[in-house]
Structures are given as structure tokens and as C-alpha cells.
N, C-alpha and C. Protein backbone atom coordinates (compact mmCIF):
# COMPACT_ATOMS: atom_id res chain seq x y z
N UNK A 1 58.06 112.56 132.44
CA UNK A 1 58.12 112.79 131.29
C UNK A 1 56.88 111.35 130.59
N UNK A 2 56.28 112.32 129.51
CA UNK A 2 55.03 111.58 129.11
C UNK A 2 55.61 110.79 127.92
N UNK A 3 55.00 109.36 127.97
CA UNK A 3 54.95 108.65 126.62
C UNK A 3 55.65 109.04 125.27
N UNK A 4 54.82 110.21 124.87
CA UNK A 4 55.32 110.76 123.67
C UNK A 4 56.60 111.19 123.31
N UNK A 5 57.37 111.89 124.44
CA UNK A 5 58.71 112.50 124.71
C UNK A 5 59.63 111.12 124.76
N UNK A 6 59.11 110.22 125.86
CA UNK A 6 60.10 108.74 125.61
C UNK A 6 60.28 108.33 124.08
N UNK A 7 59.11 108.13 123.13
CA UNK A 7 59.21 107.47 122.11
C UNK A 7 60.07 108.47 121.07
N UNK A 8 59.53 110.01 121.13
CA UNK A 8 60.53 111.01 120.21
C UNK A 8 62.29 110.75 120.59
N UNK A 9 62.50 110.58 122.05
CA UNK A 9 63.98 110.75 122.53
C UNK A 9 64.67 109.10 121.91
N UNK A 10 63.45 107.98 122.11
CA UNK A 10 64.31 107.11 121.77
C UNK A 10 64.61 107.01 120.14
N UNK A 11 63.23 107.28 119.50
CA UNK A 11 63.90 107.52 117.87
C UNK A 11 64.87 108.46 117.44
N UNK A 12 65.16 109.34 118.07
CA UNK A 12 66.28 110.60 117.82
C UNK A 12 67.57 109.80 118.38
N UNK A 13 67.68 109.17 119.15
CA UNK A 13 68.71 108.22 119.80
C UNK A 13 69.04 107.04 118.71
N UNK A 14 67.99 106.61 118.04
CA UNK A 14 68.27 105.27 117.05
C UNK A 14 68.65 106.46 116.14
N UNK A 15 67.95 107.23 115.60
CA UNK A 15 68.56 107.94 114.36
C UNK A 15 69.84 108.39 114.47
N UNK A 16 70.43 108.92 115.80
CA UNK A 16 71.95 109.44 115.55
C UNK A 16 72.86 108.13 115.75
N UNK A 17 72.62 106.91 116.50
CA UNK A 17 73.35 105.60 116.66
C UNK A 17 73.41 105.61 114.99
N UNK A 18 72.45 105.37 113.96
CA UNK A 18 72.06 104.70 113.02
C UNK A 18 73.26 105.92 111.41
N UNK A 19 72.95 106.95 111.89
CA UNK A 19 74.07 107.74 111.44
C UNK A 19 75.34 107.80 111.81
N UNK A 20 75.88 107.79 112.73
CA UNK A 20 77.26 107.48 113.59
C UNK A 20 77.75 106.32 112.96
N UNK A 21 77.00 105.01 112.68
CA UNK A 21 77.47 103.73 111.95
C UNK A 21 77.96 103.66 110.61
N UNK A 22 76.76 104.59 109.89
CA UNK A 22 77.14 104.86 108.55
C UNK A 22 78.23 105.71 108.39
N UNK A 23 78.56 106.54 109.34
CA UNK A 23 79.70 107.44 109.27
C UNK A 23 81.17 106.48 109.33
N UNK A 24 81.10 105.73 110.23
CA UNK A 24 82.37 105.10 110.75
C UNK A 24 82.16 103.84 109.09
N UNK A 25 81.33 103.65 108.94
CA UNK A 25 81.53 102.43 107.61
C UNK A 25 82.11 103.28 106.34
N UNK A 26 81.65 104.32 106.20
CA UNK A 26 82.11 105.27 105.01
C UNK A 26 83.48 105.55 105.04
N UNK A 27 83.76 105.93 106.32
CA UNK A 27 85.52 106.11 106.72
C UNK A 27 85.98 104.94 106.14
N UNK A 28 85.67 104.18 106.83
CA UNK A 28 86.62 102.67 106.78
C UNK A 28 86.82 102.00 105.32
N UNK A 29 85.79 102.62 104.17
CA UNK A 29 85.64 102.28 103.28
C UNK A 29 86.62 102.88 102.58
N UNK A 30 86.34 104.53 102.62
CA UNK A 30 87.43 105.24 102.28
C UNK A 30 89.14 104.72 102.78
N UNK A 31 88.89 104.82 103.47
CA UNK A 31 90.53 104.03 104.07
C UNK A 31 90.96 102.60 103.10
N UNK A 32 90.32 101.86 103.35
CA UNK A 32 90.56 100.82 102.48
C UNK A 32 90.56 100.70 100.95
N UNK A 33 90.35 101.89 100.90
CA UNK A 33 90.49 102.26 99.20
C UNK A 33 91.56 102.80 99.04
N UNK A 34 91.95 103.51 100.08
CA UNK A 34 93.55 104.33 99.86
C UNK A 34 94.59 103.33 99.79
N UNK A 35 94.46 101.92 100.54
CA UNK A 35 95.34 101.18 100.57
C UNK A 35 95.50 100.32 99.41
N UNK A 36 94.52 100.17 98.25
CA UNK A 36 94.85 99.52 97.46
C UNK A 36 95.57 100.41 96.33
N UNK A 37 95.69 99.59 95.64
CA UNK A 37 96.79 99.97 94.12
C UNK A 37 95.74 100.83 93.31
N UNK A 38 96.88 101.67 92.58
CA UNK A 38 96.38 102.56 91.82
C UNK A 38 96.53 101.84 90.36
N UNK A 39 95.45 102.20 89.80
CA UNK A 39 94.67 101.32 88.33
C UNK A 39 94.66 102.13 87.43
N UNK A 40 94.90 102.38 86.34
CA UNK A 40 94.49 102.98 85.05
C UNK A 40 94.15 101.93 83.76
N UNK A 41 92.94 102.74 83.19
CA UNK A 41 92.26 101.89 82.29
C UNK A 41 91.84 102.60 81.08
N UNK A 42 91.26 102.26 80.25
CA UNK A 42 90.66 102.97 78.65
C UNK A 42 89.10 102.15 79.08
N UNK A 43 88.16 103.31 78.75
CA UNK A 43 86.99 103.03 79.06
C UNK A 43 86.10 103.90 78.76
N UNK A 44 84.69 103.69 78.86
CA UNK A 44 83.35 104.81 78.29
C UNK A 44 82.96 105.37 79.39
N UNK A 45 82.38 105.98 79.75
CA UNK A 45 81.09 106.48 80.86
C UNK A 45 79.78 106.15 80.26
N UNK A 46 79.16 105.15 81.14
CA UNK A 46 77.95 104.66 80.20
C UNK A 46 77.21 105.00 81.03
N UNK A 47 77.03 105.77 82.24
CA UNK A 47 76.37 106.12 83.05
C UNK A 47 76.96 107.36 84.32
N UNK A 48 76.17 107.95 84.55
CA UNK A 48 76.20 109.17 85.39
C UNK A 48 75.05 110.03 85.74
N UNK A 49 74.56 110.08 87.04
CA UNK A 49 73.34 110.73 87.44
C UNK A 49 73.28 112.23 86.80
N UNK A 50 72.25 112.50 86.52
CA UNK A 50 72.26 113.76 85.76
C UNK A 50 71.10 114.92 86.65
N UNK A 51 70.74 114.24 87.63
CA UNK A 51 69.75 115.01 88.59
C UNK A 51 70.87 116.06 89.64
N UNK A 52 72.00 116.26 89.29
CA UNK A 52 72.89 116.27 90.45
C UNK A 52 72.77 118.10 90.55
N UNK A 53 72.09 118.11 92.17
CA UNK A 53 71.87 119.82 92.48
C UNK A 53 72.17 120.07 93.82
N UNK A 54 72.64 121.29 94.17
CA UNK A 54 73.03 121.69 95.85
C UNK A 54 74.58 121.33 95.76
N UNK A 55 74.65 120.89 97.44
CA UNK A 55 75.92 120.64 97.45
C UNK A 55 76.04 118.91 97.64
N UNK A 56 76.69 118.87 96.78
CA UNK A 56 76.81 117.12 96.34
C UNK A 56 78.42 116.47 97.06
N UNK A 57 78.84 115.87 97.49
CA UNK A 57 79.96 115.46 97.97
C UNK A 57 80.52 114.43 97.20
N UNK A 58 79.77 113.73 96.58
CA UNK A 58 80.00 112.61 95.75
C UNK A 58 78.91 111.97 95.06
N UNK A 59 79.36 111.55 93.68
CA UNK A 59 78.66 110.94 92.89
C UNK A 59 78.93 109.74 92.56
N UNK A 60 78.41 108.94 91.65
CA UNK A 60 78.77 107.54 91.40
C UNK A 60 78.33 107.36 89.81
N UNK A 61 79.55 106.84 88.94
CA UNK A 61 79.57 106.73 87.78
C UNK A 61 79.85 105.02 87.03
N UNK A 62 79.28 104.75 86.47
CA UNK A 62 79.16 103.15 85.44
C UNK A 62 80.23 103.43 84.60
N UNK A 63 81.20 102.52 84.47
CA UNK A 63 82.11 102.83 83.70
C UNK A 63 82.63 101.31 82.68
N UNK A 64 82.06 101.50 81.10
CA UNK A 64 82.53 100.03 80.55
C UNK A 64 84.11 99.94 80.19
N UNK A 65 84.76 99.12 80.39
CA UNK A 65 86.20 98.58 79.76
C UNK A 65 86.32 98.46 78.41
N UNK A 66 87.69 98.59 78.06
CA UNK A 66 87.52 97.74 76.21
C UNK A 66 86.80 96.33 76.36
N UNK A 67 87.44 95.84 77.62
CA UNK A 67 87.40 94.47 77.66
C UNK A 67 85.89 93.85 77.82
N UNK A 68 84.47 94.89 77.90
CA UNK A 68 83.36 94.98 78.06
C UNK A 68 82.84 94.47 80.01
N UNK A 69 84.20 94.50 80.28
CA UNK A 69 83.75 94.66 81.88
C UNK A 69 83.15 96.23 82.34
N UNK A 70 82.20 95.97 83.40
CA UNK A 70 82.08 97.42 83.72
C UNK A 70 82.19 97.31 85.24
N UNK A 71 82.50 98.55 85.88
CA UNK A 71 82.43 99.02 87.19
C UNK A 71 81.76 100.16 87.78
N UNK A 72 81.11 100.22 88.70
CA UNK A 72 80.49 101.94 89.31
C UNK A 72 81.74 102.05 90.25
N UNK A 73 81.96 103.39 90.06
CA UNK A 73 83.06 104.24 90.93
C UNK A 73 82.58 105.41 91.51
N UNK A 74 83.21 105.74 92.63
CA UNK A 74 82.45 106.90 93.47
C UNK A 74 83.61 107.97 93.22
N UNK A 75 82.89 109.11 92.95
CA UNK A 75 83.85 110.32 92.69
C UNK A 75 83.70 111.49 93.35
N UNK A 76 84.87 111.96 94.35
CA UNK A 76 84.83 112.70 95.08
C UNK A 76 85.06 114.01 94.80
N UNK A 77 86.08 114.07 93.84
CA UNK A 77 86.52 115.25 93.04
C UNK A 77 85.62 115.94 92.32
N UNK A 78 85.29 117.50 92.54
CA UNK A 78 84.25 117.75 92.08
C UNK A 78 85.14 118.51 90.70
N UNK A 79 86.31 118.40 90.46
CA UNK A 79 87.16 118.93 89.23
C UNK A 79 87.18 117.86 88.43
N UNK A 80 86.56 116.76 88.55
CA UNK A 80 86.70 115.54 87.61
C UNK A 80 85.53 115.94 86.62
N UNK A 81 85.31 116.37 85.55
CA UNK A 81 84.15 117.02 84.77
C UNK A 81 83.96 115.17 83.67
N UNK A 82 82.98 114.96 83.90
CA UNK A 82 82.58 113.64 83.18
C UNK A 82 81.26 113.86 82.31
N UNK A 83 80.80 113.49 81.67
CA UNK A 83 79.63 113.17 80.87
C UNK A 83 79.30 112.11 80.59
N UNK A 84 77.72 111.43 80.37
CA UNK A 84 77.62 110.45 80.27
C UNK A 84 78.16 109.81 78.82
N UNK A 85 78.79 109.30 78.19
CA UNK A 85 79.40 109.06 76.69
C UNK A 85 80.74 109.12 76.49
N UNK A 86 81.36 109.86 77.60
CA UNK A 86 82.54 110.54 77.50
C UNK A 86 83.87 109.13 77.42
N UNK A 87 84.40 108.99 76.43
CA UNK A 87 85.51 107.97 76.24
C UNK A 87 86.99 108.29 76.73
N UNK A 88 87.79 107.60 77.56
CA UNK A 88 89.17 108.09 77.69
C UNK A 88 89.61 107.06 78.69
N UNK A 89 90.77 107.84 79.32
CA UNK A 89 91.62 106.92 80.34
C UNK A 89 91.31 107.30 81.47
N UNK A 90 90.77 105.92 82.36
CA UNK A 90 90.28 106.10 83.87
C UNK A 90 91.60 105.76 84.79
N UNK A 91 91.64 106.71 86.12
CA UNK A 91 92.55 106.00 86.78
C UNK A 91 91.48 106.11 87.91
N UNK A 92 91.80 105.06 88.64
CA UNK A 92 90.83 104.47 89.93
C UNK A 92 91.63 103.79 90.74
N UNK A 93 91.52 103.64 92.12
CA UNK A 93 92.14 102.99 93.11
C UNK A 93 90.90 102.54 93.97
N UNK A 94 90.59 101.12 94.06
CA UNK A 94 89.38 100.50 94.79
C UNK A 94 88.31 100.76 94.02
N UNK A 95 87.38 101.73 94.73
CA UNK A 95 86.00 101.85 94.07
C UNK A 95 85.86 103.46 93.76
N UNK A 96 86.97 104.20 94.15
CA UNK A 96 87.18 105.45 94.11
C UNK A 96 88.08 106.02 92.47
N UNK A 97 86.92 106.92 91.64
CA UNK A 97 87.52 107.37 90.59
C UNK A 97 88.41 108.61 90.89
N UNK A 98 89.98 108.62 90.78
CA UNK A 98 90.35 109.11 90.71
C UNK A 98 91.10 110.58 89.67
N UNK A 99 90.80 109.97 88.59
CA UNK A 99 90.62 110.91 87.03
C UNK A 99 90.08 110.18 86.09
N UNK A 100 90.28 111.56 85.19
CA UNK A 100 89.24 110.86 83.80
C UNK A 100 90.08 111.86 82.97
N UNK A 101 90.75 111.40 81.78
CA UNK A 101 91.22 111.67 80.79
C UNK A 101 90.48 111.72 79.41
N UNK A 102 90.13 112.48 78.92
CA UNK A 102 89.28 112.53 77.67
C UNK A 102 90.40 112.11 76.68
N UNK A 103 89.77 111.16 75.79
CA UNK A 103 90.78 110.57 74.40
C UNK A 103 90.64 111.31 73.00
């Protein structure tokens, strides 16, 4: 086996291990969020990525609540229609946005 082939295999294995660890961490975060209490608050969407293209599994939004507090949430549900500037009731669990109801 040549030195180049050994380097290629080492890099491939390292990338595979890194992706595996990232997947485990993502699963752990989702499981931890599922165990948290569901909250509902009134706020405004102040930031949403505008360059969502192709197959998007999730995206993040920034919400500003009535009291001025801000939080970033992950949206996994593609049926939640949100536009930057929308105001309404936000349902969330941990850092996952479960629903948005425009006011």
C-alpha cells in the first residue's frame, strides 16, 4: 500500500468518525429537548435565513419576546410558515420551535 493510499484511508476514517460523533451529539440534543417542558410565548421573528435552497432538514430563527429577551430556535417542521418580522404566539420546547401562530 502506498503512502498516498494510507493518507487517504486515514483522512476518510477521520471524517467518518467525526460525522458519526456529530450525529450522536445531534440525537442527544433532540432527546434532551423532548424531555423539557413545552412553553408558549408572544414574540417577533427577528431573524430567519433567507437562502434556504434544496433539501433543508432544519433551520434556525431568532425570536424576540415581549420582555426583550431573545432566543434562537431550531425549526424541524417544514409546515411552520415563518417570515422575518412576523409577530405571534411561539410554542417551543428547549431550543426547538414547535409552532407559530400569527397574531
